[in-house]
Amino acid sequence: EEEDVPAAEAMIENLVKGQEAVVRTARSVFPAAERANDEPTADLLTQRMQIHEKNAWMLRSMLVK
């Protein structure tokens, strides 16, 4: 958590980290869904990973390098 309002670029970096964290979490849960032959959950995880990977990519494209 930030105590002050960060600069715009820092805000974007924080958003990227958040998107990447969601993807990591979904990836860590995926093997359990596969072991349980839980296709709906595996499909949901795949969809969420795709969305958050795309969001992270779009946010990274906004960062000045």
PDB file of N, CA and C in Angstrom:
ATOM      1  N   GLU A   1       0.826  -1.176   0.000  1.00  0.00           N
ATOM      2  CA  GLU A   1       0.000   0.000   0.000  1.00  0.00           C
ATOM      3  C   GLU A   1       0.866   1.232   0.000  1.00  0.00           C
ATOM      4  N   GLU A   2       0.445   2.185  -0.771  1.00  0.00           N
ATOM      5  CA  GLU A   2       1.139   3.463  -0.851  1.00  0.00           C
ATOM      6  C   GLU A   2       0.587   4.403   0.215  1.00  0.00           C
ATOM      7  N   GLU A   3       1.470   5.175   0.822  1.00  0.00           N
ATOM      8  CA  GLU A   3       1.014   6.165   1.797  1.00  0.00           C
ATOM      9  C   GLU A   3       0.692   7.487   1.114  1.00  0.00           C
ATOM     10  N   ASP A   4       1.454   7.820   0.100  1.00  0.00           N
ATOM     11  CA  ASP A   4       1.210   9.040  -0.661  1.00  0.00           C
ATOM     12  C   ASP A   4       0.718   8.657  -2.047  1.00  0.00           C
ATOM     13  N   VAL A   5       0.329   9.651  -2.806  1.00  0.00           N
ATOM     14  CA  VAL A   5      -0.086   9.401  -4.182  1.00  0.00           C
ATOM     15  C   VAL A   5       1.176   9.272  -5.021  1.00  0.00           C
ATOM     16  N   PRO A   6       1.402   8.089  -5.616  1.00  0.00           N
ATOM     17  CA  PRO A   6       2.611   7.905  -6.420  1.00  0.00           C
ATOM     18  C   PRO A   6       2.487   8.603  -7.778  1.00  0.00           C
ATOM     19  N   ALA A   7       3.611   8.738  -8.426  1.00  0.00           N
ATOM     20  CA  ALA A   7       3.617   9.305  -9.774  1.00  0.00           C
ATOM     21  C   ALA A   7       2.866   8.352 -10.705  1.00  0.00           C
ATOM     22  N   ALA A   8       2.409   8.878 -11.832  1.00  0.00           N
ATOM     23  CA  ALA A   8       1.610   8.096 -12.774  1.00  0.00           C
ATOM     24  C   ALA A   8       2.338   6.832 -13.208  1.00  0.00           C
ATOM     25  N   GLU A   9       3.624   6.939 -13.515  1.00  0.00           N
ATOM     26  CA  GLU A   9       4.371   5.766 -13.973  1.00  0.00           C
ATOM     27  C   GLU A   9       4.457   4.708 -12.861  1.00  0.00           C
ATOM     28  N   ALA A  10       4.614   5.145 -11.626  1.00  0.00           N
ATOM     29  CA  ALA A  10       4.654   4.214 -10.504  1.00  0.00           C
ATOM     30  C   ALA A  10       3.303   3.532 -10.322  1.00  0.00           C
ATOM     31  N   MET A  11       2.221   4.266 -10.571  1.00  0.00           N
ATOM     32  CA  MET A  11       0.888   3.668 -10.491  1.00  0.00           C
ATOM     33  C   MET A  11       0.740   2.560 -11.523  1.00  0.00           C
ATOM     34  N   ILE A  12       1.208   2.823 -12.735  1.00  0.00           N
ATOM     35  CA  ILE A  12       1.123   1.818 -13.798  1.00  0.00           C
ATOM     36  C   ILE A  12       1.968   0.604 -13.430  1.00  0.00           C
ATOM     37  N   GLU A  13       3.162   0.836 -12.898  1.00  0.00           N
ATOM     38  CA  GLU A  13       4.017  -0.280 -12.479  1.00  0.00           C
ATOM     39  C   GLU A  13       3.329  -1.119 -11.404  1.00  0.00           C
ATOM     40  N   ASN A  14       2.633  -0.469 -10.481  1.00  0.00           N
ATOM     41  CA  ASN A  14       1.902  -1.194  -9.442  1.00  0.00           C
ATOM     42  C   ASN A  14       0.768  -2.022 -10.048  1.00  0.00           C
ATOM     43  N   LEU A  15       0.093  -1.459 -11.040  1.00  0.00           N
ATOM     44  CA  LEU A  15      -0.970  -2.198 -11.715  1.00  0.00           C
ATOM     45  C   LEU A  15      -0.412  -3.415 -12.443  1.00  0.00           C
ATOM     46  N   VAL A  16       0.737  -3.262 -13.089  1.00  0.00           N
ATOM     47  CA  VAL A  16       1.375  -4.386 -13.778  1.00  0.00           C
ATOM     48  C   VAL A  16       1.690  -5.486 -12.772  1.00  0.00           C
ATOM     49  N   LYS A  17       2.255  -5.112 -11.645  1.00  0.00           N
ATOM     50  CA  LYS A  17       2.586  -6.109 -10.606  1.00  0.00           C
ATOM     51  C   LYS A  17       1.330  -6.832 -10.126  1.00  0.00           C
ATOM     52  N   GLY A  18       0.241  -6.116  -9.992  1.00  0.00           N
ATOM     53  CA  GLY A  18      -1.016  -6.724  -9.563  1.00  0.00           C
ATOM     54  C   GLY A  18      -1.550  -7.712 -10.585  1.00  0.00           C
ATOM     55  N   GLN A  19      -1.497  -7.321 -11.858  1.00  0.00           N
ATOM     56  CA  GLN A  19      -1.954  -8.222 -12.923  1.00  0.00           C
ATOM     57  C   GLN A  19      -1.100  -9.480 -12.964  1.00  0.00           C
ATOM     58  N   GLU A  20       0.205  -9.301 -12.828  1.00  0.00           N
ATOM     59  CA  GLU A  20       1.119 -10.449 -12.846  1.00  0.00           C
ATOM     60  C   GLU A  20       0.883 -11.357 -11.640  1.00  0.00           C
ATOM     61  N   ALA A  21       0.539 -10.784 -10.503  1.00  0.00           N
ATOM     62  CA  ALA A  21       0.266 -11.586  -9.308  1.00  0.00           C
ATOM     63  C   ALA A  21      -0.975 -12.447  -9.506  1.00  0.00           C
ATOM     64  N   VAL A  22      -1.995 -11.896 -10.143  1.00  0.00           N
ATOM     65  CA  VAL A  22      -3.204 -12.675 -10.414  1.00  0.00           C
ATOM     66  C   VAL A  22      -2.877 -13.846 -11.338  1.00  0.00           C
ATOM     67  N   VAL A  23      -2.062 -13.604 -12.358  1.00  0.00           N
ATOM     68  CA  VAL A  23      -1.679 -14.668 -13.287  1.00  0.00           C
ATOM     69  C   VAL A  23      -0.902 -15.757 -12.549  1.00  0.00           C
ATOM     70  N   ARG A  24       0.052 -15.371 -11.708  1.00  0.00           N
ATOM     71  CA  ARG A  24       0.821 -16.362 -10.942  1.00  0.00           C
ATOM     72  C   ARG A  24      -0.085 -17.210 -10.057  1.00  0.00           C
ATOM     73  N   THR A  25      -1.038 -16.568  -9.418  1.00  0.00           N
ATOM     74  CA  THR A  25      -1.964 -17.299  -8.552  1.00  0.00           C
ATOM     75  C   THR A  25      -2.806 -18.280  -9.360  1.00  0.00           C
ATOM     76  N   ALA A  26      -3.328 -17.828 -10.484  1.00  0.00           N
ATOM     77  CA  ALA A  26      -4.135 -18.710 -11.330  1.00  0.00           C
ATOM     78  C   ALA A  26      -3.305 -19.890 -11.824  1.00  0.00           C
ATOM     79  N   ARG A  27      -2.061 -19.626 -12.206  1.00  0.00           N
ATOM     80  CA  ARG A  27      -1.184 -20.716 -12.656  1.00  0.00           C
ATOM     81  C   ARG A  27      -0.911 -21.719 -11.541  1.00  0.00           C
ATOM     82  N   SER A  28      -0.804 -21.242 -10.324  1.00  0.00           N
ATOM     83  CA  SER A  28      -0.516 -22.148  -9.210  1.00  0.00           C
ATOM     84  C   SER A  28      -1.711 -23.031  -8.869  1.00  0.00           C
ATOM     85  N   VAL A  29      -2.918 -22.569  -9.152  1.00  0.00           N
ATOM     86  CA  VAL A  29      -4.127 -23.324  -8.864  1.00  0.00           C
ATOM     87  C   VAL A  29      -4.465 -24.295 -10.001  1.00  0.00           C
ATOM     88  N   PHE A  30      -4.004 -23.996 -11.193  1.00  0.00           N
ATOM     89  CA  PHE A  30      -4.352 -24.779 -12.383  1.00  0.00           C
ATOM     90  C   PHE A  30      -4.055 -26.275 -12.234  1.00  0.00           C
ATOM     91  N   PRO A  31      -2.890 -26.680 -11.719  1.00  0.00           N
ATOM     92  CA  PRO A  31      -2.634 -28.124 -11.585  1.00  0.00           C
ATOM     93  C   PRO A  31      -3.668 -28.848 -10.711  1.00  0.00           C
ATOM     94  N   ALA A  32      -4.173 -28.192  -9.695  1.00  0.00           N
ATOM     95  CA  ALA A  32      -5.193 -28.817  -8.834  1.00  0.00           C
ATOM     96  C   ALA A  32      -6.483 -29.045  -9.619  1.00  0.00           C
ATOM     97  N   ALA A  33      -6.848 -28.091 -10.459  1.00  0.00           N
ATOM     98  CA  ALA A  33      -8.048 -28.254 -11.295  1.00  0.00           C
ATOM     99  C   ALA A  33      -7.859 -29.400 -12.288  1.00  0.00           C
ATOM    100  N   GLU A  34      -6.664 -29.502 -12.852  1.00  0.00           N
ATOM    101  CA  GLU A  34      -6.389 -30.596 -13.782  1.00  0.00           C
ATOM    102  C   GLU A  34      -6.440 -31.949 -13.078  1.00  0.00           C
ATOM    103  N   ARG A  35      -5.830 -32.052 -11.904  1.00  0.00           N
ATOM    104  CA  ARG A  35      -5.837 -33.315 -11.154  1.00  0.00           C
ATOM    105  C   ARG A  35      -7.257 -33.753 -10.811  1.00  0.00           C
ATOM    106  N   ALA A  36      -8.122 -32.795 -10.537  1.00  0.00           N
ATOM    107  CA  ALA A  36      -9.501 -33.098 -10.176  1.00  0.00           C
ATOM    108  C   ALA A  36     -10.395 -33.270 -11.409  1.00  0.00           C
ATOM    109  N   ASN A  37      -9.805 -33.159 -12.591  1.00  0.00           N
ATOM    110  CA  ASN A  37     -10.582 -33.216 -13.848  1.00  0.00           C
ATOM    111  C   ASN A  37     -11.733 -32.216 -13.830  1.00  0.00           C
ATOM    112  N   ASP A  38     -11.453 -31.036 -13.297  1.00  0.00           N
ATOM    113  CA  ASP A  38     -12.450 -29.976 -13.176  1.00  0.00           C
ATOM    114  C   ASP A  38     -12.312 -29.035 -14.373  1.00  0.00           C
ATOM    115  N   GLU A  39     -12.935 -29.419 -15.468  1.00  0.00           N
ATOM    116  CA  GLU A  39     -12.824 -28.651 -16.715  1.00  0.00           C
ATOM    117  C   GLU A  39     -13.365 -27.222 -16.592  1.00  0.00           C
ATOM    118  N   PRO A  40     -14.523 -27.011 -15.958  1.00  0.00           N
ATOM    119  CA  PRO A  40     -15.016 -25.627 -15.855  1.00  0.00           C
ATOM    120  C   PRO A  40     -14.040 -24.700 -15.121  1.00  0.00           C
ATOM    121  N   THR A  41     -13.442 -25.192 -14.046  1.00  0.00           N
ATOM    122  CA  THR A  41     -12.486 -24.367 -13.307  1.00  0.00           C
ATOM    123  C   THR A  41     -11.225 -24.133 -14.124  1.00  0.00           C
ATOM    124  N   ALA A  42     -10.746 -25.170 -14.795  1.00  0.00           N
ATOM    125  CA  ALA A  42      -9.564 -25.016 -15.645  1.00  0.00           C
ATOM    126  C   ALA A  42      -9.828 -23.997 -16.753  1.00  0.00           C
ATOM    127  N   ASP A  43     -11.022 -24.044 -17.332  1.00  0.00           N
ATOM    128  CA  ASP A  43     -11.381 -23.084 -18.381  1.00  0.00           C
ATOM    129  C   ASP A  43     -11.447 -21.669 -17.824  1.00  0.00           C
ATOM    130  N   LEU A  44     -12.050 -21.521 -16.656  1.00  0.00           N
ATOM    131  CA  LEU A  44     -12.132 -20.204 -16.025  1.00  0.00           C
ATOM    132  C   LEU A  44     -10.735 -19.658 -15.729  1.00  0.00           C
ATOM    133  N   LEU A  45      -9.863 -20.509 -15.192  1.00  0.00           N
ATOM    134  CA  LEU A  45      -8.490 -20.072 -14.905  1.00  0.00           C
ATOM    135  C   LEU A  45      -7.771 -19.652 -16.179  1.00  0.00           C
ATOM    136  N   THR A  46      -7.955 -20.419 -17.248  1.00  0.00           N
ATOM    137  CA  THR A  46      -7.324 -20.078 -18.523  1.00  0.00           C
ATOM    138  C   THR A  46      -7.802 -18.719 -19.014  1.00  0.00           C
ATOM    139  N   GLN A  47      -9.107 -18.490 -18.939  1.00  0.00           N
ATOM    140  CA  GLN A  47      -9.660 -17.208 -19.377  1.00  0.00           C
ATOM    141  C   GLN A  47      -9.121 -16.052 -18.537  1.00  0.00           C
ATOM    142  N   ARG A  48      -9.070 -16.242 -17.220  1.00  0.00           N
ATOM    143  CA  ARG A  48      -8.573 -15.179 -16.344  1.00  0.00           C
ATOM    144  C   ARG A  48      -7.103 -14.892 -16.613  1.00  0.00           C
ATOM    145  N   MET A  49      -6.312 -15.945 -16.817  1.00  0.00           N
ATOM    146  CA  MET A  49      -4.889 -15.741 -17.114  1.00  0.00           C
ATOM    147  C   MET A  49      -4.722 -14.943 -18.394  1.00  0.00           C
ATOM    148  N   GLN A  50      -5.512 -15.276 -19.416  1.00  0.00           N
ATOM    149  CA  GLN A  50      -5.414 -14.559 -20.686  1.00  0.00           C
ATOM    150  C   GLN A  50      -5.754 -13.086 -20.512  1.00  0.00           C
ATOM    151  N   ILE A  51      -6.814 -12.805 -19.781  1.00  0.00           N
ATOM    152  CA  ILE A  51      -7.239 -11.417 -19.578  1.00  0.00           C
ATOM    153  C   ILE A  51      -6.168 -10.633 -18.820  1.00  0.00           C
ATOM    154  N   HIS A  52      -5.660 -11.210 -17.738  1.00  0.00           N
ATOM    155  CA  HIS A  52      -4.687 -10.488 -16.914  1.00  0.00           C
ATOM    156  C   HIS A  52      -3.323 -10.382 -17.599  1.00  0.00           C
ATOM    157  N   GLU A  53      -2.947 -11.371 -18.399  1.00  0.00           N
ATOM    158  CA  GLU A  53      -1.708 -11.265 -19.177  1.00  0.00           C
ATOM    159  C   GLU A  53      -1.830 -10.144 -20.203  1.00  0.00           C
ATOM    160  N   LYS A  54      -2.994 -10.049 -20.842  1.00  0.00           N
ATOM    161  CA  LYS A  54      -3.225  -8.978 -21.824  1.00  0.00           C
ATOM    162  C   LYS A  54      -3.205  -7.608 -21.136  1.00  0.00           C
ATOM    163  N   ASN A  55      -3.868  -7.512 -19.988  1.00  0.00           N
ATOM    164  CA  ASN A  55      -3.874  -6.242 -19.254  1.00  0.00           C
ATOM    165  C   ASN A  55      -2.458  -5.830 -18.867  1.00  0.00           C
ATOM    166  N   ALA A  56      -1.669  -6.789 -18.380  1.00  0.00           N
ATOM    167  CA  ALA A  56      -0.285  -6.483 -17.995  1.00  0.00           C
ATOM    168  C   ALA A  56       0.504  -6.018 -19.207  1.00  0.00           C
ATOM    169  N   TRP A  57       0.307  -6.678 -20.337  1.00  0.00           N
ATOM    170  CA  TRP A  57       1.012  -6.294 -21.563  1.00  0.00           C
ATOM    171  C   TRP A  57       0.639  -4.866 -21.969  1.00  0.00           C
ATOM    172  N   MET A  58      -0.662  -4.555 -21.931  1.00  0.00           N
ATOM    173  CA  MET A  58      -1.098  -3.211 -22.316  1.00  0.00           C
ATOM    174  C   MET A  58      -0.544  -2.158 -21.361  1.00  0.00           C
ATOM    175  N   LEU A  59      -0.540  -2.460 -20.072  1.00  0.00           N
ATOM    176  CA  LEU A  59       0.001  -1.516 -19.097  1.00  0.00           C
ATOM    177  C   LEU A  59       1.505  -1.323 -19.299  1.00  0.00           C
ATOM    178  N   ARG A  60       2.239  -2.441 -19.540  1.00  0.00           N
ATOM    179  CA  ARG A  60       3.688  -2.310 -19.774  1.00  0.00           C
ATOM    180  C   ARG A  60       3.968  -1.461 -21.001  1.00  0.00           C
ATOM    181  N   SER A  61       3.088  -1.511 -22.000  1.00  0.00           N
ATOM    182  CA  SER A  61       3.305  -0.721 -23.217  1.00  0.00           C
ATOM    183  C   SER A  61       3.201   0.777 -22.935  1.00  0.00           C
ATOM    184  N   MET A  62       2.574   1.136 -21.835  1.00  0.00           N
ATOM    185  CA  MET A  62       2.422   2.544 -21.466  1.00  0.00           C
ATOM    186  C   MET A  62       3.630   3.097 -20.717  1.00  0.00           C
ATOM    187  N   LEU A  63       4.467   2.202 -20.232  1.00  0.00           N
ATOM    188  CA  LEU A  63       5.637   2.642 -19.478  1.00  0.00           C
ATOM    189  C   LEU A  63       6.736   3.130 -20.420  1.00  0.00           C
ATOM    190  N   VAL A  64       7.335   4.229 -20.077  1.00  0.00           N
ATOM    191  CA  VAL A  64       8.418   4.805 -20.866  1.00  0.00           C
ATOM    192  C   VAL A  64       9.715   4.097 -20.487  1.00  0.00           C
ATOM    193  N   LYS A  65      10.377   3.571 -21.472  1.00  0.00           N
ATOM    194  CA  LYS A  65      11.657   2.867 -21.209  1.00  0.00           C
ATOM    195  C   LYS A  65      12.797   3.661 -21.770  1.00  0.00           C
TER     196      LYS A  65
END
